[in-house]
C-alpha cells in the first residue's frame, strides 16, 4: 500500500544571499513534503518533522543519501515514507544550506558562536571544494537551519487538523537535529 505524498508545501519564506550584509538579498520559499498514511486514523496521532543530513552543506528534503565506502545511508524522505506506512504523518523539511548564504537569525540561540565544532563541516567543505570558514560563520548557517526547522514545526502544528495530528505530540528528528539540539 503506498503512502500519499504532498510535495513542495510552502511553510514560510526566508532570505538568502546575505554576502556579509552587502546583498543582494532575495527571499525564497521554504518547503516541506508531507507523507501521509494511506488510511486516516480515527483519532489524532503523533506527527514527525524530519530534517535531512548533510552538515548544513548538502542534501535536500527529497535526497540526502550518501555512500561512504561501507554502505549507503537512508534518506530522510525514505524514513518519512516508512513512518507514514506505519500510520504516522511525516514531514521532510528543506532548510537553507550554507552555500545559499542565509541571512543571520533575528533571534539567535547559540550562546557560543565562536566555539562551534568545525571538524565535520571542515571535512565536508573540503570535499565540496569550498574554502574554510570561521566557526562564527558556521553558527550563522546553523541558526538559519534552526529558524527554518522551527518554522516547519510551527506550520505543522498550526495545520495539525489538516494532517490528523495531535498538536501536542509532534516529534522532531533527523540527521542534523542531534547536533543542532546539543549546541542550543
Protein backbone atom coordinates (compact mmCIF):
# COMPACT_ATOMS: atom_id res chain seq x y z
CA UNK A 1 0.00 0.00 0.00
CA UNK A 2 1.57 3.35 -0.99
CA UNK A 3 1.55 6.47 1.13
CA UNK A 4 0.13 9.66 -0.38
CA UNK A 5 2.71 12.44 -0.61
CA UNK A 6 2.11 16.17 -0.87
CA UNK A 7 5.23 17.85 -2.25
CA UNK A 8 6.61 21.35 -2.00
CA UNK A 9 4.24 22.75 0.62
CA UNK A 10 5.38 26.28 1.39
CA UNK A 11 5.67 26.72 5.16
CA UNK A 12 7.41 30.08 5.19
CA UNK A 13 9.84 32.43 3.50
CA UNK A 14 13.44 33.36 4.32
CA UNK A 15 16.26 35.49 3.00
CA UNK A 16 19.43 34.29 1.27
CA UNK A 17 22.38 35.98 -0.48
CA UNK A 18 23.45 37.86 2.63
CA UNK A 19 27.06 38.47 1.44
CA UNK A 20 28.14 39.97 4.79
CA UNK A 21 25.30 42.46 4.70
CA UNK A 22 26.10 43.59 1.15
CA UNK A 23 23.43 41.51 -0.63
CA UNK A 24 21.78 41.32 -3.00
CA UNK A 25 19.44 39.55 -0.60
CA UNK A 26 16.49 37.69 -2.05
CA UNK A 27 13.53 35.92 -0.49
CA UNK A 28 12.96 32.21 -1.09
CA UNK A 29 10.06 29.92 -0.22
CA UNK A 30 10.76 27.32 2.46
CA UNK A 31 9.15 23.98 1.61
CA UNK A 32 8.38 20.61 3.09
CA UNK A 33 6.95 17.35 1.79
CA UNK A 34 4.12 15.63 3.70
CA UNK A 35 3.98 11.82 3.74
CA UNK A 36 0.53 10.73 4.83
CA UNK A 37 -0.78 7.34 5.93
CA UNK A 38 -2.82 5.54 3.28
CA UNK A 39 -5.69 5.24 5.77
CA UNK A 40 -6.57 8.15 8.05
CA UNK A 41 -6.56 7.42 11.77
CA UNK A 42 -9.78 7.72 13.78
CA UNK A 43 -8.13 9.98 16.35
CA UNK A 44 -5.23 12.43 16.07
CA UNK A 45 -1.83 10.72 16.02
CA UNK A 46 1.73 11.93 16.58
CA UNK A 47 3.39 13.67 13.64
CA UNK A 48 7.08 13.57 12.73
CA UNK A 49 9.04 16.53 11.36
CA UNK A 50 12.39 15.34 10.00
CA UNK A 51 15.38 17.38 8.81
CA UNK A 52 17.80 15.93 6.27
CA UNK A 53 21.51 15.47 6.87
CA UNK A 54 24.47 16.97 5.06
CA UNK A 55 26.24 19.07 7.70
CA UNK A 56 24.24 22.11 6.54
CA UNK A 57 26.06 21.98 3.19
CA UNK A 58 24.31 19.35 1.08
CA UNK A 59 21.17 17.29 0.90
CA UNK A 60 17.53 18.09 0.40
CA UNK A 61 14.12 17.08 1.64
CA UNK A 62 13.98 14.55 -1.21
CA UNK A 63 17.51 13.21 -1.18
CA UNK A 64 20.27 13.21 1.40
CA UNK A 65 21.77 9.79 0.84
CA UNK A 66 25.49 9.34 0.57
CA UNK A 67 27.91 6.44 0.27
CA UNK A 68 30.99 6.19 2.43
CA UNK A 69 32.60 3.03 1.09
CA UNK A 70 30.87 0.77 3.60
CA UNK A 71 27.24 1.24 2.65
CA UNK A 72 24.75 3.92 1.75
CA UNK A 73 22.66 5.96 4.14
CA UNK A 74 18.87 6.02 4.04
CA UNK A 75 17.29 9.33 3.04
CA UNK A 76 15.01 11.24 5.38
CA UNK A 77 12.35 11.07 2.64
CA UNK A 78 12.51 7.27 2.80
CA UNK A 79 12.15 7.37 6.60
CA UNK A 80 9.09 9.63 6.18
CA UNK A 81 7.61 7.14 3.72
CA UNK A 82 8.22 4.28 6.17
CA UNK A 83 6.72 6.15 9.15
CA UNK A 84 3.66 7.09 7.08
CA UNK A 85 3.23 3.42 6.17
CA UNK A 86 3.08 2.76 9.94
CA UNK A 87 0.28 5.34 10.29
CA UNK A 88 2.31 8.40 11.31
CA UNK A 89 2.10 11.56 9.19
CA UNK A 90 5.68 12.60 8.50
CA UNK A 91 7.25 15.73 7.04
CA UNK A 92 10.61 16.13 5.32
CA UNK A 93 11.86 19.72 5.68
CA UNK A 94 14.12 21.67 3.34
CA UNK A 95 16.23 24.22 5.17
CA UNK A 96 18.64 26.83 3.79
CA UNK A 97 22.08 25.41 3.09
CA UNK A 98 25.35 27.18 3.85
CA UNK A 99 26.13 27.98 0.21
CA UNK A 100 22.80 29.82 -0.06
CA UNK A 101 24.39 32.39 2.28
CA UNK A 102 21.40 32.75 4.65
CA UNK A 103 20.71 36.00 6.44
CA UNK A 104 21.62 35.93 10.16
CA UNK A 105 18.85 34.95 12.53
CA UNK A 106 16.89 37.74 14.14
CA UNK A 107 16.65 35.55 17.26
CA UNK A 108 19.98 33.68 17.64
CA UNK A 109 20.04 30.84 20.15
CA UNK A 110 23.67 29.76 20.11
CA UNK A 111 25.39 31.12 23.19
CA UNK A 112 28.95 30.39 21.99
CA UNK A 113 29.03 31.02 18.21
CA UNK A 114 32.83 31.27 18.20
CA UNK A 115 33.08 27.75 19.64
CA UNK A 116 31.00 25.82 17.11
CA UNK A 117 32.76 22.47 16.44
CA UNK A 118 34.08 22.54 12.87
CA UNK A 119 35.56 19.06 12.37
CA UNK A 120 32.70 17.57 10.31
CA UNK A 121 31.91 20.78 8.45
CA UNK A 122 35.56 21.40 7.54
CA UNK A 123 35.95 17.92 6.03
CA UNK A 124 32.75 18.26 4.02
CA UNK A 125 33.61 21.78 2.84
CA UNK A 126 37.00 20.50 1.60
CA UNK A 127 35.26 17.59 -0.18
CA UNK A 128 32.98 20.11 -1.89
CA UNK A 129 35.94 22.37 -2.83
CA UNK A 130 34.61 25.14 -0.61
CA UNK A 131 37.01 27.40 1.29
CA UNK A 132 37.44 27.07 5.05
CA UNK A 133 35.14 29.18 7.21
CA UNK A 134 35.19 30.51 10.73
CA UNK A 135 33.04 28.99 13.48
CA UNK A 136 31.01 32.22 13.70
CA UNK A 137 30.01 31.84 10.03
CA UNK A 138 29.08 28.20 10.61
CA UNK A 139 26.97 29.36 13.56
CA UNK A 140 25.05 31.65 11.17
CA UNK A 141 24.28 28.68 8.92
CA UNK A 142 23.16 26.65 11.92
CA UNK A 143 20.93 29.47 13.17
CA UNK A 144 19.27 29.64 9.74
CA UNK A 145 18.58 25.90 9.88
CA UNK A 146 17.17 26.30 13.42
CA UNK A 147 14.85 29.03 12.18
CA UNK A 148 13.73 27.02 9.16
CA UNK A 149 13.04 23.78 11.02
CA UNK A 150 11.30 25.70 13.81
CA UNK A 151 9.12 27.33 11.16
CA UNK A 152 8.24 23.92 9.76
CA UNK A 153 7.22 22.63 13.20
CA UNK A 154 5.07 25.73 13.76
CA UNK A 155 3.43 25.20 10.36
CA UNK A 156 2.66 21.54 11.06
CA UNK A 157 1.31 22.43 14.50
CA UNK A 158 -0.88 25.21 13.06
CA UNK A 159 -2.25 22.84 10.38
CA UNK A 160 -2.49 19.77 12.62
CA UNK A 161 -6.18 19.25 11.78
CA UNK A 162 -5.41 19.04 8.05
CA UNK A 163 -2.98 16.20 8.73
CA UNK A 164 -4.79 14.34 11.54
CA UNK A 165 -2.03 15.15 14.04
CA UNK A 166 -2.22 15.69 17.77
CA UNK A 167 -0.56 19.13 18.08
CA UNK A 168 0.87 18.19 21.48
CA UNK A 169 2.68 15.14 20.03
CA UNK A 170 4.94 16.43 17.26
CA UNK A 171 8.30 14.71 17.15
CA UNK A 172 11.37 16.46 15.74
CA UNK A 173 14.16 14.36 14.29
CA UNK A 174 16.72 13.92 11.58
CA UNK A 175 20.41 13.76 10.96
CA UNK A 176 21.25 17.37 11.85
CA UNK A 177 18.84 17.67 14.77
CA UNK A 178 21.10 15.88 17.25
CA UNK A 179 23.90 18.34 16.50
CA UNK A 180 21.54 21.33 16.46
CA UNK A 181 19.89 20.48 19.79
CA UNK A 182 23.19 19.74 21.52
CA UNK A 183 24.51 23.20 20.75
CA UNK A 184 21.42 25.20 21.68
